[in-house]
Every structure is written in C-alpha cells, then in structure tokens.
Protein backbone atom coordinates (compact mmCIF):
# COMPACT_ATOMS: atom_id res chain seq x y z
CA UNK A 1 238.42 -176.37 144.31
CA UNK A 2 241.08 -174.21 142.67
CA UNK A 3 238.31 -171.82 141.49
CA UNK A 4 237.18 -171.06 145.08
CA UNK A 5 238.60 -167.93 146.72
CA UNK A 6 240.69 -168.71 149.82
CA UNK A 7 238.56 -166.38 151.96
CA UNK A 8 235.22 -167.72 150.74
CA UNK A 9 232.69 -168.77 153.35
CA UNK A 10 231.00 -171.85 151.93
CA UNK A 11 227.63 -173.34 152.74
CA UNK A 12 226.83 -176.80 151.39
CA UNK A 13 223.16 -177.72 150.93
CA UNK A 14 221.41 -180.63 149.28
CA UNK A 15 218.11 -182.02 148.17
CA UNK A 16 216.27 -184.28 150.59
CA UNK A 17 217.38 -187.38 148.64
CA UNK A 18 219.67 -189.58 150.72
CA UNK A 19 222.29 -189.86 147.96
CA UNK A 20 222.43 -186.05 147.68
CA UNK A 21 222.82 -185.70 151.45
CA UNK A 22 225.66 -188.22 151.44
CA UNK A 23 227.37 -186.38 148.59
CA UNK A 24 227.02 -183.07 150.47
CA UNK A 25 228.61 -184.66 153.55
CA UNK A 26 231.56 -185.93 151.49
CA UNK A 27 232.05 -182.51 149.87
CA UNK A 28 231.95 -180.92 153.33
CA UNK A 29 234.62 -183.33 154.64
CA UNK A 30 236.97 -182.38 151.82
CA UNK A 31 236.33 -178.63 151.63
CA UNK A 32 236.30 -178.04 155.40
CA UNK A 33 239.98 -179.01 155.47
CA UNK A 34 240.88 -175.94 153.38
CA UNK A 35 237.98 -173.47 153.65
CA UNK A 36 235.57 -171.91 156.10
CA UNK A 37 232.76 -174.33 155.47
CA UNK A 38 229.38 -175.24 156.91
CA UNK A 39 226.98 -178.08 156.13
CA UNK A 40 223.29 -177.07 156.08
CA UNK A 41 221.40 -180.21 157.12
CA UNK A 42 218.00 -178.82 156.11
CA UNK A 43 216.21 -181.24 153.78
CA UNK A 44 215.36 -179.16 150.72
CA UNK A 45 212.52 -181.17 149.13
CA UNK A 46 212.25 -178.73 146.22
CA UNK A 47 215.74 -179.63 145.02
CA UNK A 48 214.89 -183.31 144.42
CA UNK A 49 214.98 -185.01 141.05
CA UNK A 50 212.14 -184.86 138.54
CA UNK A 51 209.31 -186.87 140.08
CA UNK A 52 208.20 -190.11 138.45
CA UNK A 53 204.76 -190.16 140.13
CA UNK A 54 203.38 -193.68 140.56
CA UNK A 55 206.50 -195.02 138.81
CA UNK A 56 208.77 -193.79 141.64
CA UNK A 57 211.01 -196.63 142.78
CA UNK A 58 209.52 -199.17 140.37
CA UNK A 59 211.51 -201.08 137.74
CA UNK A 60 211.85 -199.42 134.36
CA UNK A 61 210.15 -202.34 132.60
CA UNK A 62 208.38 -202.52 129.24
CA UNK A 63 205.20 -200.92 130.63
CA UNK A 64 207.24 -197.98 131.96
CA UNK A 65 209.08 -197.66 128.65
CA UNK A 66 205.75 -197.61 126.77
CA UNK A 67 204.53 -194.79 129.05
CA UNK A 68 207.80 -192.87 128.61
CA UNK A 69 207.74 -193.33 124.82
CA UNK A 70 204.70 -191.04 124.59
CA UNK A 71 206.77 -188.21 126.07
CA UNK A 72 209.77 -189.07 123.91
CA UNK A 73 207.67 -188.50 120.77
CA UNK A 74 206.92 -184.89 121.78
CA UNK A 75 208.78 -181.84 120.50
CA UNK A 76 211.42 -180.34 122.80
CA UNK A 77 209.09 -177.41 123.52
CA UNK A 78 206.21 -179.71 124.50
CA UNK A 79 208.50 -181.87 126.65
CA UNK A 80 209.01 -178.89 128.97
CA UNK A 81 205.32 -178.82 129.87
CA UNK A 82 204.33 -182.51 129.75
CA UNK A 83 205.24 -185.06 132.46
CA UNK A 84 207.79 -187.67 131.36
CA UNK A 85 205.48 -190.43 132.59
CA UNK A 86 201.83 -190.40 133.59
CA UNK A 87 201.44 -188.97 137.08
CA UNK A 88 205.00 -187.62 137.08
CA UNK A 89 206.41 -184.12 136.80
CA UNK A 90 207.23 -181.99 133.81
CA UNK A 91 210.39 -179.87 133.59
CA UNK A 92 208.13 -176.86 134.17
CA UNK A 93 206.79 -178.46 137.37
CA UNK A 94 210.33 -179.04 138.58
CA UNK A 95 211.31 -175.39 138.08
CA UNK A 96 208.23 -174.26 140.03
CA UNK A 97 209.37 -176.20 143.11
CA UNK A 98 213.15 -175.98 142.53
CA UNK A 99 213.38 -172.19 142.57
CA UNK A 100 211.68 -171.70 145.98
CA UNK A 101 214.13 -174.23 147.42
CA UNK A 102 217.07 -172.28 146.02
CA UNK A 103 215.53 -169.00 147.15
CA UNK A 104 215.27 -170.36 150.71
CA UNK A 105 219.00 -171.18 150.62
CA UNK A 106 219.88 -167.73 149.27
CA UNK A 107 217.81 -165.99 151.98
CA UNK A 108 219.11 -168.25 154.76
CA UNK A 109 222.79 -167.87 153.82
CA UNK A 110 223.47 -164.37 152.46
CA UNK A 111 227.04 -163.48 151.51
CA UNK A 112 228.15 -167.11 151.44
CA UNK A 113 229.22 -169.20 148.48
CA UNK A 114 226.48 -171.75 148.10
CA UNK A 115 227.24 -175.28 146.90
CA UNK A 116 223.98 -177.09 146.24
CA UNK A 117 223.80 -180.82 145.58
CA UNK A 118 220.88 -181.65 143.32
CA UNK A 119 220.01 -183.92 140.38
CA UNK A 120 220.38 -184.23 136.62
CA UNK A 121 216.87 -183.54 135.27
CA UNK A 122 216.16 -180.92 137.93
CA UNK A 123 219.34 -179.03 137.06
CA UNK A 124 218.73 -179.29 133.33
CA UNK A 125 215.19 -177.91 133.80
CA UNK A 126 216.59 -174.96 135.76
CA UNK A 127 219.36 -174.32 133.23
CA UNK A 128 216.90 -174.23 130.32
CA UNK A 129 214.92 -171.64 132.25
CA UNK A 130 217.93 -169.58 133.37
CA UNK A 131 219.42 -169.38 129.92
CA UNK A 132 216.15 -168.34 128.28
CA UNK A 133 216.07 -171.42 126.09
CA UNK A 134 212.45 -172.52 126.53
CA UNK A 135 210.82 -170.08 124.09
CA UNK A 136 213.38 -170.94 121.42
CA UNK A 137 212.98 -174.72 121.68
CA UNK A 138 211.97 -176.55 118.56
CA UNK A 139 208.36 -177.60 118.08
CA UNK A 140 209.49 -180.38 115.75
CA UNK A 141 208.99 -183.81 117.39
CA UNK A 142 212.13 -185.10 115.67
CA UNK A 143 214.34 -182.53 117.43
CA UNK A 144 216.09 -183.32 120.70
CA UNK A 145 215.57 -181.55 124.00
CA UNK A 146 218.86 -179.83 124.91
CA UNK A 147 220.50 -181.35 127.94
CA UNK A 148 223.84 -180.91 129.63
CA UNK A 149 225.37 -184.36 130.16
CA UNK A 150 226.02 -184.07 133.89
CA UNK A 151 228.15 -186.63 135.63
CA UNK A 152 228.16 -187.29 139.35
CA UNK A 153 229.79 -184.36 141.17
CA UNK A 154 229.90 -182.10 138.10
CA UNK A 155 229.42 -178.45 138.98
CA UNK A 156 227.23 -175.84 137.33
CA UNK A 157 228.22 -172.30 138.24
CA UNK A 158 225.18 -170.02 138.49
CA UNK A 159 225.27 -166.24 138.85
CA UNK A 160 222.28 -164.77 140.69
CA UNK A 161 221.88 -160.97 140.40
CA UNK A 162 222.41 -159.26 143.78
CA UNK A 163 219.16 -157.28 143.58
CA UNK A 164 217.44 -159.47 141.04
CA UNK A 165 215.26 -162.53 141.04
CA UNK A 166 216.41 -166.12 140.91
CA UNK A 167 214.49 -166.26 137.61
CA UNK A 168 217.06 -163.78 136.24
CA UNK A 169 220.05 -165.97 137.14
CA UNK A 170 222.35 -167.34 134.45
CA UNK A 171 224.06 -170.72 134.34
CA UNK A 172 227.62 -169.77 133.45
CA UNK A 173 230.00 -172.71 133.41
CA UNK A 174 229.87 -176.51 133.59
CA UNK A 175 232.86 -177.98 135.41
CA UNK A 176 233.23 -181.71 134.89
CA UNK A 177 234.36 -183.81 137.85
C-alpha cells in the first residue's frame, strides 16, 4: 500500500473464480478507506488458473499423480507447450486466454491503476512470456521450470507500454504479502 500514489485511481478486478472474487472484495474494503477505488465485478474467465481438464475438482489421487508425472518428466521448454494433465491446459494455452482478459481490463479502465487478482500458474505462465524466458528455457528434462513462489496476496508489478502491446509488458517486481 505504501507504494501506491495518494492520487491514484484504482480499479480492482479478478478472475471468475470465487476465491479470487472474495480476495478482490477484501482488497477493495481495505484500499477504499485510503484511495479512490472501484471494484470491477466483471467475471474475467481468462484470468482463471491453469485448467485441469477432466481432473478439475477431483482428488489428486495416485491416478492423477501418474498422469501428472508424464508432464513432470518433460524439459522446462516442453512443459510450456504440453498440458500438465491429459485434457488440461498448457502454460502456452493459459497465456493465450489470459492476455485477452488483461487487455479487456486495460481497455475498459484507461488511466487507472489496475489491481488484478489471479492465480499462481496463470501468473507464472504470463511472467515467463513477459520476461522473454520461454526461448531460453532448458530442453534438458532434468532441469526445473522457473517459477516465482507466489503466496496468497503477493503482488507482481507489471509495466505495460503506453503505446505497446500487452505482449511487450515486463514483470518488474514481486512484493511478498
């Protein structure tokens, strides 16, 4: 909060996931006491977490772990383009739906500071893209996929060029809650 300019006009948006909406509401309650603040209640489906396909909502049992282990044996580069579990999404798939959701927020709320509540894997997929890391990822299956260890309510500051594309944005700073 100390990093936000006193005259900033803030818009708070979230993914369509209930837990993200609840978090956005709590952030709004706190920030609206000190800042000009608005809560956008639009459900941004594109900002949701990496999809698990037919595994969505099911227990992470031994069968799930066996399915996931195939992905875990891939190189970091290959992990970007392969779904984590059969029928699920890849990091590349997430970026393809995540960016239009962010673009809608940028277009809808020009000149406002945007606080967007999203999810761990979705944010990590976007950060890898923004920071140009995908082409430099290892093709060695023993290497690890880079990931920012995000905690609940951590903040990633992203700078989007005024006249540029969202694809040209840069993730700048990770603030831990």
